Amino acid sequence: MSLTNVAVIAYEGVAPFELGILCEAFGIDRTADGVPAIDFAVCAEDDRPMRTSMGFSLQAEHGLDRVAEADLVGIPAIPRGGVPSDAVLDAIRAAYDRGARLMSACSGAFVLGAAGLLDGRDCTTHWMYTDELQRRYPKACVVPEVLYVDTGQVVTSAGSAAGMDAALHIWRQEYGAAVANTVARRAVVPPYRDGGQAQFIARAVPDCDADTLAPLLTWIVENLNEDHSVEALAKRALMSPRTFARRFRDETGTTPHTWITRQRVAAAEELLERTDQPIEWIASEVGFGNAATLRHHFVRVRGVSPQHYRRQFAC
């Protein structure tokens, strides 16, 4: 495991909410809950108070030299017209050059762009700013409709709460689903939203004459081994298949098949970590039916086989 040291860079105009998300995700001591310890610091160019985007000031205890120690460097949001100092950009480039991982939250992607680290790279930011990010950094490959993009060394996330989704994604990659779920539970957020989900839904608030699909989604997660065809789910929701499919995409940003597949993979992760049951049993338990189908979807979503995942993360 390489995630033991995290530095978050603060700068003039920093957005306190996104800074807070990075602090919440990596800066809280959760060792009593079985979460590995993280050496965490908020860093700045100097010890002078910095004005935030919300009109108050803050002061960091650590300088940019602390960034040189970090496995992961967090880059919070900044007003889109703002550009950090050359010293901050140099620290980010140096971290990248030595192999540290970088994660931006919301408009923090503009900082990565200013550092020249988005050229030729898939990336994202808040959906309101994706066009501007593409205009300002035309060599970047901006993906506007997703919650976060992980290209390996660089992770970019969309607006606000998507930063926590990206952070949980990193926790899951480094320490497995059980640890990521513990972090999510402490923060009282959903433990898993796939990066490919849409940033926003077609209707921000459900129509007043129709119920949300939230109860059905909860039932699906609790009954993953049931028949979850569109026809069966539409019948349970008392809708036509066409109306149900449209409503599902409106509320989740993706198709029923994709959403359920991701939930099944997430459930398989936990069983691979916490039990020594055969892969065939796990496949049946989460609704994939057989080991071959589980392996197909697991490799496609996670990039490794179930057996490899178990060897890496089994308790």
Protein backbone atom coordinates (compact mmCIF):
# COMPACT_ATOMS: atom_id res chain seq x y z
CA MET A 1 0.00 0.00 0.00
CA SER A 2 1.40 3.41 -0.92
CA LEU A 3 -1.16 5.81 0.58
CA THR A 4 0.33 6.79 3.93
CA ASN A 5 1.12 10.47 3.47
CA VAL A 6 -1.24 13.15 2.10
CA ALA A 7 -0.60 16.85 1.58
CA VAL A 8 -3.31 19.30 0.54
CA ILE A 9 -2.21 22.63 -0.92
CA ALA A 10 -4.07 25.80 0.06
CA TYR A 11 -3.66 29.07 -1.80
CA GLU A 12 -5.21 32.51 -2.11
CA GLY A 13 -8.87 32.19 -3.09
CA VAL A 14 -9.12 28.53 -2.07
CA ALA A 15 -12.69 27.21 -1.78
CA PRO A 16 -13.23 26.12 1.84
CA PHE A 17 -15.83 23.45 1.04
CA GLU A 18 -13.59 21.51 -1.32
CA LEU A 19 -10.64 22.03 1.03
CA GLY A 20 -12.83 20.63 3.78
CA ILE A 21 -13.75 17.59 1.69
CA LEU A 22 -10.07 16.71 1.27
CA CYS A 23 -9.51 17.19 5.00
CA GLU A 24 -12.55 15.04 5.81
CA ALA A 25 -11.49 12.31 3.43
CA PHE A 26 -7.85 11.99 4.45
CA GLY A 27 -7.20 14.11 7.53
CA ILE A 28 -9.34 12.44 10.20
CA ASP A 29 -7.79 9.78 12.41
CA ARG A 30 -9.95 6.68 11.91
CA THR A 31 -7.46 4.12 13.20
CA ALA A 32 -9.86 3.15 16.00
CA ASP A 33 -12.22 1.99 13.23
CA GLY A 34 -9.53 -0.05 11.52
CA VAL A 35 -8.61 2.54 8.89
CA PRO A 36 -4.86 2.84 8.24
CA ALA A 37 -3.19 5.95 9.62
CA ILE A 38 -2.48 8.82 7.24
CA ASP A 39 0.18 11.44 7.86
CA PHE A 40 -1.85 14.47 6.76
CA ALA A 41 -1.03 18.15 6.33
CA VAL A 42 -2.45 21.30 4.80
CA CYS A 43 0.35 23.23 3.15
CA ALA A 44 0.84 26.71 1.72
CA GLU A 45 3.55 28.82 0.16
CA ASP A 46 4.13 30.70 3.42
CA ASP A 47 2.52 31.26 6.80
CA ARG A 48 0.60 34.40 5.85
CA PRO A 49 -3.22 34.24 6.16
CA MET A 50 -4.94 33.40 2.88
CA ARG A 51 -8.28 34.83 1.83
CA THR A 52 -10.75 32.09 0.90
CA SER A 53 -13.40 32.30 -1.80
CA MET A 54 -16.02 32.74 0.94
CA GLY A 55 -14.56 35.90 2.45
CA PHE A 56 -12.69 34.64 5.49
CA SER A 57 -9.02 33.86 5.96
CA LEU A 58 -7.10 30.77 6.99
CA GLN A 59 -3.50 29.96 7.76
CA ALA A 60 -1.60 26.74 7.06
CA GLU A 61 0.94 25.29 9.48
CA HIS A 62 3.10 23.64 6.82
CA GLY A 63 5.10 24.99 3.91
CA LEU A 64 5.41 23.60 0.40
CA ASP A 65 8.42 21.54 1.43
CA ARG A 66 5.91 19.20 3.09
CA VAL A 67 4.44 18.42 -0.37
CA ALA A 68 7.70 16.71 -1.31
CA GLU A 69 6.94 13.93 1.22
CA ALA A 70 3.41 13.14 0.09
CA ASP A 71 2.13 10.05 -1.70
CA LEU A 72 -1.01 11.98 -2.63
CA VAL A 73 -1.31 15.73 -3.21
CA GLY A 74 -4.78 17.22 -2.92
CA ILE A 75 -5.68 20.30 -4.96
CA PRO A 76 -8.89 22.04 -3.85
CA ALA A 77 -11.10 24.36 -5.88
CA ILE A 78 -10.08 27.86 -6.78
CA PRO A 79 -11.94 30.71 -8.52
CA ARG A 80 -11.59 29.96 -12.22
CA GLY A 81 -9.89 33.26 -12.93
CA GLY A 82 -7.32 32.67 -10.22
CA VAL A 83 -3.94 31.05 -10.76
CA PRO A 84 -1.71 29.94 -7.88
CA SER A 85 1.81 31.26 -7.61
CA ASP A 86 4.73 29.84 -9.55
CA ALA A 87 5.97 28.30 -6.30
CA VAL A 88 2.73 26.33 -5.89
CA LEU A 89 2.71 25.22 -9.52
CA ASP A 90 6.37 24.18 -9.26
CA ALA A 91 5.58 22.10 -6.13
CA ILE A 92 2.76 20.36 -7.99
CA ARG A 93 4.95 19.63 -11.01
CA ALA A 94 7.74 18.33 -8.77
CA ALA A 95 5.29 16.02 -6.98
CA TYR A 96 4.10 14.68 -10.32
CA ASP A 97 7.65 14.21 -11.62
CA ARG A 98 8.63 12.10 -8.62
CA GLY A 99 5.55 9.89 -9.06
CA ALA A 100 3.16 11.22 -6.42
CA ARG A 101 -0.53 10.95 -7.16
CA LEU A 102 -2.50 14.17 -7.67
CA MET A 103 -6.21 14.67 -6.98
CA SER A 104 -8.15 17.82 -7.80
CA ALA A 105 -11.57 18.71 -6.44
CA CYS A 106 -14.00 20.71 -8.60
CA SER A 107 -12.25 23.71 -10.20
CA GLY A 108 -8.94 22.51 -8.79
CA ALA A 109 -8.60 21.02 -12.28
CA PHE A 110 -7.76 24.53 -13.48
CA VAL A 111 -4.70 24.44 -11.21
CA LEU A 112 -3.58 21.19 -12.83
CA GLY A 113 -4.13 22.80 -16.21
CA ALA A 114 -2.01 25.79 -15.22
CA ALA A 115 0.72 23.37 -14.17
CA GLY A 116 0.61 21.78 -17.63
CA LEU A 117 -0.54 18.41 -16.33
CA LEU A 118 -3.80 18.05 -18.28
CA ASP A 119 -2.30 18.02 -21.78
CA GLY A 120 -3.43 14.87 -23.58
CA ARG A 121 -5.17 13.65 -20.42
CA ASP A 122 -8.81 12.77 -19.76
CA CYS A 123 -10.10 15.00 -16.97
CA THR A 124 -13.20 16.63 -15.55
CA THR A 125 -14.43 19.47 -13.38
CA HIS A 126 -17.78 20.91 -12.30
CA TRP A 127 -20.23 20.62 -15.18
CA MET A 128 -20.70 24.40 -15.25
CA TYR A 129 -16.98 24.88 -15.98
CA THR A 130 -16.12 22.07 -18.38
CA ASP A 131 -16.41 24.22 -21.50
CA GLU A 132 -14.18 26.86 -19.97
CA LEU A 133 -11.62 24.26 -18.90
CA GLN A 134 -11.50 22.97 -22.47
CA ARG A 135 -11.12 26.48 -23.89
CA ARG A 136 -8.33 27.44 -21.52
CA TYR A 137 -6.47 24.14 -21.90
CA PRO A 138 -7.28 22.93 -25.42
CA LYS A 139 -4.85 20.01 -25.21
CA ALA A 140 -6.80 18.54 -22.30
CA CYS A 141 -9.42 15.87 -23.01
CA VAL A 142 -12.28 17.17 -20.87
CA VAL A 143 -15.01 14.64 -20.06
CA PRO A 144 -17.99 16.77 -18.98
CA GLU A 145 -20.54 14.23 -17.83
CA VAL A 146 -18.76 12.19 -15.15
CA LEU A 147 -18.18 12.44 -11.40
CA TYR A 148 -14.45 11.81 -11.56
CA VAL A 149 -11.75 10.63 -13.93
CA ASP A 150 -8.81 8.48 -12.86
CA THR A 151 -5.97 8.33 -15.37
CA GLY A 152 -3.63 6.61 -12.93
CA GLN A 153 -1.38 9.29 -11.48
CA VAL A 154 -3.91 12.11 -11.85
CA VAL A 155 -7.49 12.04 -10.54
CA THR A 156 -9.84 14.92 -11.32
CA SER A 157 -13.30 15.24 -9.80
CA ALA A 158 -16.43 17.22 -10.53
CA GLY A 159 -18.36 19.65 -8.37
CA SER A 160 -18.16 19.62 -4.60
CA ALA A 161 -19.40 16.24 -3.30
CA ALA A 162 -17.84 14.40 -6.25
CA GLY A 163 -14.53 15.13 -4.53
CA MET A 164 -15.55 12.73 -1.78
CA ASP A 165 -16.51 10.14 -4.40
CA ALA A 166 -13.03 10.43 -5.91
CA ALA A 167 -11.40 10.24 -2.49
CA LEU A 168 -13.36 7.09 -1.62
CA HIS A 169 -12.31 5.67 -4.99
CA ILE A 170 -8.67 6.20 -3.98
CA TRP A 171 -9.26 4.64 -0.55
CA ARG A 172 -10.90 1.65 -2.26
CA GLN A 173 -8.00 1.23 -4.68
CA GLU A 174 -5.39 1.39 -1.93
CA TYR A 175 -7.06 -0.50 0.91
CA GLY A 176 -10.19 -2.19 -0.42
CA ALA A 177 -13.94 -1.82 -0.08
CA ALA A 178 -14.18 -2.41 3.68
CA VAL A 179 -11.87 0.48 4.52
CA ALA A 180 -13.50 2.77 1.95
CA ASN A 181 -16.93 1.94 3.36
CA THR A 182 -15.73 2.74 6.89
CA VAL A 183 -14.50 6.14 5.73
CA ALA A 184 -17.83 6.74 3.97
CA ARG A 185 -19.85 5.69 6.99
CA ARG A 186 -17.91 8.09 9.25
CA ALA A 187 -18.56 10.90 6.76
CA VAL A 188 -22.22 9.82 6.33
CA VAL A 189 -22.00 9.65 2.54
CA PRO A 190 -22.78 6.88 0.02
CA PRO A 191 -19.89 4.42 0.00
CA TYR A 192 -19.78 4.01 -3.75
CA ARG A 193 -20.75 6.16 -6.72
CA ASP A 194 -19.00 5.14 -9.87
CA GLY A 195 -17.01 7.83 -11.66
CA GLY A 196 -18.94 7.20 -14.86
CA GLN A 197 -22.21 8.41 -13.37
CA ALA A 198 -23.53 11.71 -14.64
CA GLN A 199 -22.78 14.84 -12.63
CA PHE A 200 -26.36 16.02 -12.67
CA ILE A 201 -29.75 14.51 -13.32
CA ALA A 202 -32.38 15.63 -15.80
CA ARG A 203 -34.76 16.67 -13.01
CA ALA A 204 -33.16 18.02 -9.84
CA VAL A 205 -36.42 17.39 -7.97
CA PRO A 206 -38.81 14.52 -8.82
CA ASP A 207 -42.19 15.46 -10.28
CA CYS A 208 -44.66 16.09 -7.49
CA ASP A 209 -47.01 13.42 -8.84
CA ALA A 210 -44.41 10.66 -8.86
CA ASP A 211 -42.31 9.01 -6.18
CA THR A 212 -38.55 8.89 -6.32
CA LEU A 213 -36.90 5.56 -7.17
CA ALA A 214 -34.81 5.66 -3.96
CA PRO A 215 -36.81 2.89 -2.20
CA LEU A 216 -36.47 0.68 -5.26
CA LEU A 217 -32.72 1.32 -5.47
CA THR A 218 -32.39 0.33 -1.82
CA TRP A 219 -34.36 -2.86 -2.48
CA ILE A 220 -32.13 -3.71 -5.45
CA VAL A 221 -28.96 -3.39 -3.36
CA GLU A 222 -30.50 -5.59 -0.66
CA ASN A 223 -31.60 -8.20 -3.21
CA LEU A 224 -28.86 -8.31 -5.82
CA ASN A 225 -29.46 -11.97 -6.63
CA GLU A 226 -33.02 -11.28 -7.83
CA ASP A 227 -34.12 -10.84 -11.45
CA HIS A 228 -33.34 -7.21 -12.21
CA SER A 229 -34.34 -6.96 -15.84
CA VAL A 230 -35.89 -3.66 -16.86
CA GLU A 231 -39.21 -5.42 -17.30
CA ALA A 232 -39.15 -6.91 -13.79
CA LEU A 233 -38.07 -3.66 -12.16
CA ALA A 234 -40.59 -1.62 -14.12
CA LYS A 235 -43.34 -3.95 -12.92
CA ARG A 236 -42.20 -3.50 -9.30
CA ALA A 237 -42.15 0.26 -9.80
CA LEU A 238 -45.61 0.19 -11.42
CA MET A 239 -44.32 1.77 -14.63
CA SER A 240 -43.98 0.79 -18.23
CA PRO A 241 -40.45 -0.41 -19.12
CA ARG A 242 -39.90 2.68 -21.28
CA THR A 243 -41.01 5.11 -18.57
CA PHE A 244 -38.99 3.25 -15.96
CA ALA A 245 -35.80 3.29 -18.05
CA ARG A 246 -36.19 7.03 -18.64
CA ARG A 247 -36.89 7.74 -14.96
CA PHE A 248 -33.95 5.58 -13.88
CA ARG A 249 -31.53 7.52 -16.06
CA ASP A 250 -33.00 10.80 -14.87
CA GLU A 251 -32.40 9.88 -11.22
CA THR A 252 -29.08 8.03 -11.42
CA GLY A 253 -27.47 9.34 -14.58
CA THR A 254 -26.96 5.86 -16.01
CA THR A 255 -28.84 2.77 -17.21
CA PRO A 256 -30.31 0.12 -14.91
CA HIS A 257 -27.90 -2.50 -16.27
CA THR A 258 -24.81 -0.37 -15.66
CA TRP A 259 -25.92 0.76 -12.20
CA ILE A 260 -26.82 -2.76 -11.04
CA THR A 261 -23.59 -4.20 -12.44
CA ARG A 262 -21.57 -1.69 -10.44
CA GLN A 263 -23.52 -2.49 -7.28
CA ARG A 264 -22.90 -6.20 -7.80
CA VAL A 265 -19.17 -5.62 -8.26
CA ALA A 266 -19.10 -3.51 -5.08
CA ALA A 267 -20.90 -6.27 -3.15
CA ALA A 268 -18.50 -8.88 -4.56
CA GLU A 269 -15.56 -6.80 -3.34
CA GLU A 270 -16.79 -6.94 0.24
CA LEU A 271 -17.38 -10.69 0.10
CA LEU A 272 -13.94 -11.26 -1.43
CA GLU A 273 -12.40 -9.28 1.42
CA ARG A 274 -14.44 -10.60 4.33
CA THR A 275 -15.09 -14.26 3.46
CA ASP A 276 -13.23 -17.25 2.11
CA GLN A 277 -16.24 -18.45 0.15
CA PRO A 278 -15.56 -19.78 -3.38
CA ILE A 279 -15.78 -17.35 -6.28
CA GLU A 280 -18.71 -19.33 -7.69
CA TRP A 281 -20.67 -18.84 -4.44
CA ILE A 282 -19.94 -15.10 -4.41
CA ALA A 283 -21.03 -14.80 -8.04
CA SER A 284 -24.36 -16.39 -7.20
CA GLU A 285 -24.78 -14.34 -4.03
CA VAL A 286 -24.40 -10.98 -5.80
CA GLY A 287 -26.47 -11.93 -8.83
CA PHE A 288 -23.86 -12.67 -11.50
CA GLY A 289 -24.86 -16.31 -11.67
CA ASN A 290 -21.47 -17.87 -12.29
CA ALA A 291 -17.78 -17.22 -11.76
CA ALA A 292 -17.08 -16.47 -15.42
CA THR A 293 -19.65 -13.66 -15.52
CA LEU A 294 -18.37 -12.24 -12.24
CA ARG A 295 -14.82 -12.29 -13.52
CA HIS A 296 -15.81 -10.58 -16.78
CA HIS A 297 -17.53 -7.68 -15.06
CA PHE A 298 -15.02 -7.45 -12.21
CA VAL A 299 -12.07 -7.14 -14.58
CA ARG A 300 -13.90 -4.59 -16.71
CA VAL A 301 -14.82 -2.42 -13.70
CA ARG A 302 -11.80 -2.91 -11.44
CA GLY A 303 -9.05 -3.87 -13.86
CA VAL A 304 -8.04 -6.98 -11.89
CA SER A 305 -9.52 -10.45 -11.45
CA PRO A 306 -11.53 -11.40 -8.35
CA GLN A 307 -8.72 -13.74 -7.31
CA HIS A 308 -6.13 -10.97 -7.58
CA TYR A 309 -8.39 -8.60 -5.62
CA ARG A 310 -8.84 -11.17 -2.87
CA ARG A 311 -5.10 -11.75 -2.57
CA GLN A 312 -4.54 -8.01 -2.25
CA PHE A 313 -7.32 -7.05 0.15
CA ALA A 314 -8.50 -10.13 2.05
CA CYS A 315 -8.82 -9.45 5.77
